[in-house]
Amino acid sequence: MLRNLLDEVRRRHLWPIPVIALLVAVAAPLLFLKSAPPDAPLASAPAPAAAPAGQLPARALLATSDTRKRAARERSRKADPFQGPSSGGSKTAEKKTSSDKKKTDTGPEPVPVVITNPDGTAPATPTTPATPTAPIGGGDAPTKVIPETRPMLVNVRFGARIPAPLSPVIPRLQTFNAGGRVVAIFVKYSPTRDKAVFAIAPDSLLSGDIDCRRKDGVCRYVDIPAGKGVRLTVTTSSGTLVTRRLDVVSINPHPDPSATSGVSPAPVNGPCLLGKLLTLSPGDASLATDACMD
């Protein structure tokens, strides 16, 4: 029977199966009989003896020492006003690590310093004293600049010859006539230009170093500073030309500091003549001196 079984195994080529089974049978006991590692604890080793009463194990003593050191550090940190509060937990540790990185990159953060008086109160904040606008005393004290509010007195010379007759302290809307025609009208003193402003006819001929000031392209005004003048030429009613020299001699403030108006009132027909003069167009005849008599 054994022979038949062997022939059958050889015929069907099943001989690896019994070989593998034989190897397993031999190797299994060897694995179980392999010696244990030398550092493995013995099952019968006795448990550590309990510490005597009143004494702690070495680990407990180490933990107690660490606790005391930690408590001492906490007390030192609380006593130091420049030490920040202690942090705990993983999230706080991460924040602290991030803060340490920022300090390493940008430098240490400035520590605020609070200065107090010896009695513990906060020091008074110094205030900037106001600058006095008027002198307190002494001749060297600064004085407040008061803008000029007094009227300005304009002195002119007007005539055919040089030097022309002087016309001191002319009032506003004073007219200057020649040959029955209005040559110029004193309008006002301009503080921004520091000049005397005169209205003239648009067909007037100007000569000198003073230019005509135009409005909408039409010659309307001449601005004359002190010490300067202009020659004006207009056509009379008979068709002849008359020439007059207009010079501003001086421009001075009123001698009375409390004065708010000129010395002489404006002529009665001054506003009417100025209005008619400013309505003339180029090519119109010069304004007659009696244009506002009716």
Protein backbone atom coordinates (compact mmCIF):
# COMPACT_ATOMS: atom_id res chain seq x y z
CA MET A 1 0.00 0.00 0.00
CA LEU A 2 2.86 2.41 0.85
CA ARG A 3 4.51 1.44 -2.38
CA ASN A 4 1.38 2.21 -4.34
CA LEU A 5 1.09 5.59 -2.60
CA LEU A 6 4.70 6.45 -3.47
CA ASP A 7 4.16 5.42 -7.08
CA GLU A 8 1.03 7.57 -7.25
CA VAL A 9 2.86 10.63 -5.81
CA ARG A 10 5.75 10.16 -8.26
CA ARG A 11 3.39 9.67 -11.18
CA ARG A 12 1.37 12.82 -10.42
CA HIS A 13 4.43 14.85 -9.44
CA LEU A 14 3.09 15.51 -5.94
CA TRP A 15 6.35 14.87 -4.20
CA PRO A 16 6.91 18.61 -3.15
CA ILE A 17 3.94 18.38 -0.77
CA PRO A 18 5.42 15.74 1.54
CA VAL A 19 8.82 17.51 1.42
CA ILE A 20 7.24 20.80 2.62
CA ALA A 21 5.31 18.99 5.33
CA LEU A 22 8.50 17.35 6.55
CA LEU A 23 10.32 20.68 6.71
CA VAL A 24 7.48 22.27 8.67
CA ALA A 25 7.46 19.39 11.13
CA VAL A 26 11.19 19.76 11.74
CA ALA A 27 11.31 23.65 11.93
CA ALA A 28 8.32 24.20 14.23
CA PRO A 29 9.88 22.64 17.37
CA LEU A 30 13.08 24.55 16.76
CA LEU A 31 11.23 27.89 16.77
CA PHE A 32 9.45 27.09 20.01
CA LEU A 33 12.64 25.84 21.67
CA LYS A 34 14.59 29.05 20.81
CA SER A 35 16.04 30.55 24.02
CA ALA A 36 14.47 33.76 25.44
CA PRO A 37 16.48 37.09 25.40
CA PRO A 38 18.83 37.56 28.36
CA ASP A 39 17.24 40.91 29.45
CA ALA A 40 13.67 39.53 29.69
CA PRO A 41 12.29 39.79 33.26
CA LEU A 42 11.59 36.61 35.14
CA ALA A 43 8.01 35.88 35.99
CA SER A 44 8.93 35.10 39.55
CA ALA A 45 10.78 38.41 40.20
CA PRO A 46 9.50 39.96 43.44
CA ALA A 47 7.69 43.33 43.37
CA PRO A 48 9.61 46.35 44.68
CA ALA A 49 9.26 46.81 48.39
CA ALA A 50 7.16 49.69 49.65
CA ALA A 51 8.99 52.73 50.98
CA PRO A 52 9.21 53.04 54.75
CA ALA A 53 6.72 55.28 56.50
CA GLY A 54 7.67 59.00 56.34
CA GLN A 55 9.88 58.56 53.29
CA LEU A 56 9.06 58.97 49.58
CA PRO A 57 10.46 57.03 46.63
CA ALA A 58 13.20 58.59 44.54
CA ARG A 59 10.73 59.49 41.77
CA ALA A 60 8.41 61.20 44.23
CA LEU A 61 11.34 63.16 45.65
CA LEU A 62 12.32 64.26 42.11
CA ALA A 63 8.75 65.34 41.33
CA THR A 64 8.56 67.30 44.60
CA SER A 65 11.86 69.07 43.82
CA ASP A 66 10.64 70.00 40.32
CA THR A 67 7.40 71.35 41.78
CA ARG A 68 9.27 73.53 44.25
CA LYS A 69 11.54 74.90 41.52
CA ARG A 70 8.53 75.65 39.30
CA ALA A 71 6.77 77.42 42.18
CA ALA A 72 9.92 79.48 42.85
CA ARG A 73 10.09 80.52 39.18
CA GLU A 74 6.42 81.53 39.24
CA ARG A 75 6.99 83.70 42.32
CA SER A 76 10.04 85.32 40.72
CA ARG A 77 8.07 85.97 37.52
CA LYS A 78 5.22 87.59 39.44
CA ALA A 79 7.64 89.79 41.38
CA ASP A 80 9.33 91.01 38.16
CA PRO A 81 7.18 93.79 36.56
CA PHE A 82 8.89 93.27 33.20
CA GLN A 83 8.20 89.52 33.02
CA GLY A 84 5.11 88.44 31.10
CA PRO A 85 2.59 85.94 32.54
CA SER A 86 3.34 82.24 32.32
CA SER A 87 1.68 80.28 29.54
CA GLY A 88 0.39 76.75 29.54
CA GLY A 89 -0.99 74.27 27.06
CA SER A 90 0.06 73.40 23.58
CA LYS A 91 -1.70 76.39 21.96
CA THR A 92 -0.02 78.86 24.29
CA ALA A 93 3.35 77.19 23.65
CA GLU A 94 2.80 77.53 19.90
CA LYS A 95 1.96 81.24 20.29
CA LYS A 96 5.05 81.76 22.43
CA THR A 97 7.22 79.98 19.85
CA SER A 98 5.75 82.19 17.10
CA SER A 99 6.34 85.30 19.21
CA ASP A 100 9.94 84.24 19.84
CA LYS A 101 10.48 83.87 16.11
CA LYS A 102 9.11 87.34 15.47
CA LYS A 103 11.35 88.78 18.17
CA THR A 104 14.33 87.04 16.57
CA ASP A 105 13.43 88.50 13.15
CA THR A 106 12.52 92.05 14.18
CA GLY A 107 14.46 92.46 17.42
CA PRO A 108 13.22 92.61 21.01
CA GLU A 109 9.95 94.43 21.67
CA PRO A 110 10.27 97.77 23.50
CA VAL A 111 9.32 97.64 27.15
CA PRO A 112 7.09 100.54 28.29
CA VAL A 113 8.56 102.48 31.21
CA VAL A 114 6.16 104.27 33.55
CA ILE A 115 7.64 107.19 35.48
CA THR A 116 5.88 108.19 38.66
CA ASN A 117 6.44 110.74 41.41
CA PRO A 118 7.98 109.64 44.75
CA ASP A 119 4.49 109.49 46.26
CA GLY A 120 3.25 107.14 43.50
CA THR A 121 1.19 109.70 41.57
CA ALA A 122 1.51 110.27 37.83
CA PRO A 123 3.62 113.27 36.78
CA ALA A 124 1.79 116.29 35.40
CA THR A 125 1.79 116.64 31.60
CA PRO A 126 3.69 119.76 30.56
CA THR A 127 1.67 122.21 28.50
CA THR A 128 3.03 124.56 25.83
CA PRO A 129 2.54 128.15 26.89
CA ALA A 130 0.52 130.26 24.52
CA THR A 131 2.45 132.80 22.52
CA PRO A 132 1.50 136.28 23.68
CA THR A 133 0.02 138.46 20.98
CA ALA A 134 0.83 141.69 22.79
CA PRO A 135 4.04 142.81 24.53
CA ILE A 136 4.20 141.95 28.23
CA GLY A 137 6.87 144.43 29.09
CA GLY A 138 10.15 145.84 27.88
CA GLY A 139 11.04 147.48 24.62
CA ASP A 140 12.26 144.23 23.00
CA ALA A 141 8.99 142.31 23.42
CA PRO A 142 7.32 141.27 20.12
CA THR A 143 4.32 143.33 19.04
CA LYS A 144 1.20 142.11 17.30
CA VAL A 145 0.97 143.17 13.68
CA ILE A 146 -2.34 144.92 13.08
CA PRO A 147 -3.46 145.07 9.43
CA GLU A 148 -3.84 148.55 8.02
CA THR A 149 -7.51 149.60 8.12
CA ARG A 150 -7.07 153.34 7.56
CA PRO A 151 -7.92 154.83 4.13
CA MET A 152 -5.02 155.54 1.79
CA LEU A 153 -4.50 159.10 0.57
CA VAL A 154 -3.51 159.38 -3.11
CA ASN A 155 -1.77 162.53 -4.41
CA VAL A 156 -1.61 163.04 -8.19
CA ARG A 157 -0.44 165.56 -10.78
CA PHE A 158 -2.66 166.11 -13.83
CA GLY A 159 -2.03 168.52 -16.69
CA ALA A 160 -0.69 169.13 -20.17
CA ARG A 161 2.80 170.04 -19.00
CA ILE A 162 5.44 168.42 -16.80
CA PRO A 163 5.38 168.93 -13.92
CA ALA A 164 1.61 169.26 -13.92
CA PRO A 165 -0.33 170.94 -11.11
CA LEU A 166 -0.62 168.88 -7.94
CA SER A 167 -4.03 167.58 -6.87
CA PRO A 168 -3.52 166.50 -3.23
CA VAL A 169 -5.70 163.89 -1.53
CA ILE A 170 -8.11 163.09 -4.33
CA PRO A 171 -11.39 161.42 -3.25
CA ARG A 172 -12.84 158.30 -4.83
CA LEU A 173 -14.63 158.82 -8.20
CA GLN A 174 -12.74 162.06 -8.78
CA THR A 175 -12.88 162.89 -12.53
CA PHE A 176 -10.05 164.33 -14.62
CA ASN A 177 -11.31 166.30 -17.63
CA ALA A 178 -9.80 167.90 -20.73
CA GLY A 179 -11.53 169.69 -23.64
CA GLY A 180 -15.00 168.93 -22.22
CA ARG A 181 -14.26 165.20 -22.13
CA VAL A 182 -13.58 162.79 -19.27
CA VAL A 183 -9.97 161.61 -19.50
CA ALA A 184 -9.90 159.40 -16.37
CA ILE A 185 -11.81 158.63 -13.14
CA PHE A 186 -10.09 157.61 -9.89
CA VAL A 187 -11.79 154.36 -8.81
CA LYS A 188 -9.93 153.25 -5.67
CA TYR A 189 -6.64 152.23 -4.10
CA SER A 190 -5.91 148.51 -4.53
CA PRO A 191 -4.06 147.08 -1.48
CA THR A 192 -3.32 143.81 -3.30
CA ARG A 193 -1.60 145.65 -6.15
CA ASP A 194 -0.47 148.61 -4.02
CA LYS A 195 -1.54 150.87 -6.88
CA ALA A 196 -4.10 153.57 -7.66
CA VAL A 197 -6.77 152.34 -10.09
CA PHE A 198 -8.16 154.73 -12.76
CA ALA A 199 -10.95 154.02 -15.26
CA ILE A 200 -10.40 155.36 -18.78
CA ALA A 201 -12.32 155.44 -22.05
CA PRO A 202 -11.75 152.41 -24.32
CA ASP A 203 -10.62 154.64 -27.22
CA SER A 204 -7.96 156.44 -25.16
CA LEU A 205 -4.40 156.33 -26.45
CA LEU A 206 -1.80 155.41 -23.81
CA SER A 207 1.90 156.19 -23.83
CA GLY A 208 4.48 155.43 -21.16
CA ASP A 209 5.48 152.36 -19.15
CA ILE A 210 1.94 151.63 -17.82
CA ASP A 211 -0.15 149.02 -19.64
CA CYS A 212 -3.90 149.07 -19.98
CA ARG A 213 -5.83 146.44 -17.99
CA ARG A 214 -8.50 144.88 -20.17
CA LYS A 215 -11.92 143.45 -19.33
CA ASP A 216 -13.43 141.12 -21.92
CA GLY A 217 -10.78 142.32 -24.36
CA VAL A 218 -11.62 146.04 -23.93
CA CYS A 219 -9.23 148.56 -22.36
CA ARG A 220 -10.88 149.71 -19.10
CA TYR A 221 -8.33 150.52 -16.35
CA VAL A 222 -4.79 151.70 -15.71
CA ASP A 223 -3.06 150.71 -12.42
CA ILE A 224 -0.44 153.32 -11.45
CA PRO A 225 1.94 152.85 -8.49
CA ALA A 226 3.44 155.72 -6.55
CA GLY A 227 6.14 157.55 -8.54
CA LYS A 228 4.79 156.43 -11.94
CA GLY A 229 2.55 158.02 -14.53
CA VAL A 230 0.91 157.67 -17.96
CA ARG A 231 -0.01 160.00 -20.83
CA LEU A 232 -3.63 159.78 -22.06
CA THR A 233 -4.91 161.14 -25.41
CA VAL A 234 -8.64 161.50 -26.17
CA THR A 235 -10.71 163.11 -28.98
CA THR A 236 -12.75 166.20 -28.14
CA SER A 237 -16.26 167.01 -29.42
CA SER A 238 -14.70 169.16 -32.17
CA GLY A 239 -12.59 166.24 -33.38
CA THR A 240 -9.27 167.49 -32.06
CA LEU A 241 -6.93 165.45 -29.87
CA VAL A 242 -6.04 166.49 -26.33
CA THR A 243 -3.25 164.94 -24.29
CA ARG A 244 -2.88 164.98 -20.53
CA ARG A 245 -0.23 163.58 -18.21
CA LEU A 246 -1.47 161.67 -15.12
CA ASP A 247 1.16 160.97 -12.44
CA VAL A 248 0.70 159.37 -8.99
CA VAL A 249 3.02 161.30 -6.68
CA SER A 250 2.49 159.38 -3.43
CA ILE A 251 0.18 156.91 -1.65
CA ASN A 252 0.12 157.25 2.15
CA PRO A 253 -2.17 156.03 4.93
CA HIS A 254 -4.46 158.52 6.63
CA PRO A 255 -2.67 160.33 9.51
CA ASP A 256 -5.60 159.63 11.85
CA PRO A 257 -5.44 155.93 12.99
CA SER A 258 -9.18 155.95 13.74
CA ALA A 259 -10.17 157.26 10.30
CA THR A 260 -12.26 154.88 8.20
CA SER A 261 -13.11 157.11 5.21
CA GLY A 262 -11.42 159.61 2.94
CA VAL A 263 -11.06 163.30 3.69
CA SER A 264 -13.28 164.51 0.86
CA PRO A 265 -16.58 162.88 -0.17
CA ALA A 266 -17.01 161.50 -3.66
CA PRO A 267 -18.44 163.86 -6.29
CA VAL A 268 -22.22 163.68 -6.64
CA ASN A 269 -22.08 162.77 -10.30
CA GLY A 270 -19.10 160.43 -9.85
CA PRO A 271 -21.03 157.11 -9.76
CA CYS A 272 -23.07 158.10 -12.83
CA LEU A 273 -20.02 159.10 -14.85
CA LEU A 274 -18.15 155.92 -13.91
CA GLY A 275 -21.11 153.76 -14.93
CA LYS A 276 -21.39 155.47 -18.32
CA LEU A 277 -17.64 155.35 -18.90
CA LEU A 278 -17.52 151.59 -18.31
CA THR A 279 -20.35 151.00 -20.81
CA LEU A 280 -18.53 152.66 -23.72
CA SER A 281 -17.45 150.38 -26.54
CA PRO A 282 -14.34 150.76 -28.71
CA GLY A 283 -15.06 153.43 -31.35
CA ASP A 284 -17.57 155.33 -29.18
CA ALA A 285 -16.98 159.04 -28.61
CA SER A 286 -15.32 160.06 -25.35
CA LEU A 287 -17.63 160.73 -22.42
CA ALA A 288 -18.67 164.36 -22.01
CA THR A 289 -18.24 165.99 -18.63
CA ASP A 290 -21.94 167.00 -18.58
CA ALA A 291 -23.21 163.48 -19.42
CA CYS A 292 -24.90 163.17 -16.00
CA MET A 293 -26.28 166.73 -15.70
CA ASP A 294 -29.85 165.98 -16.89
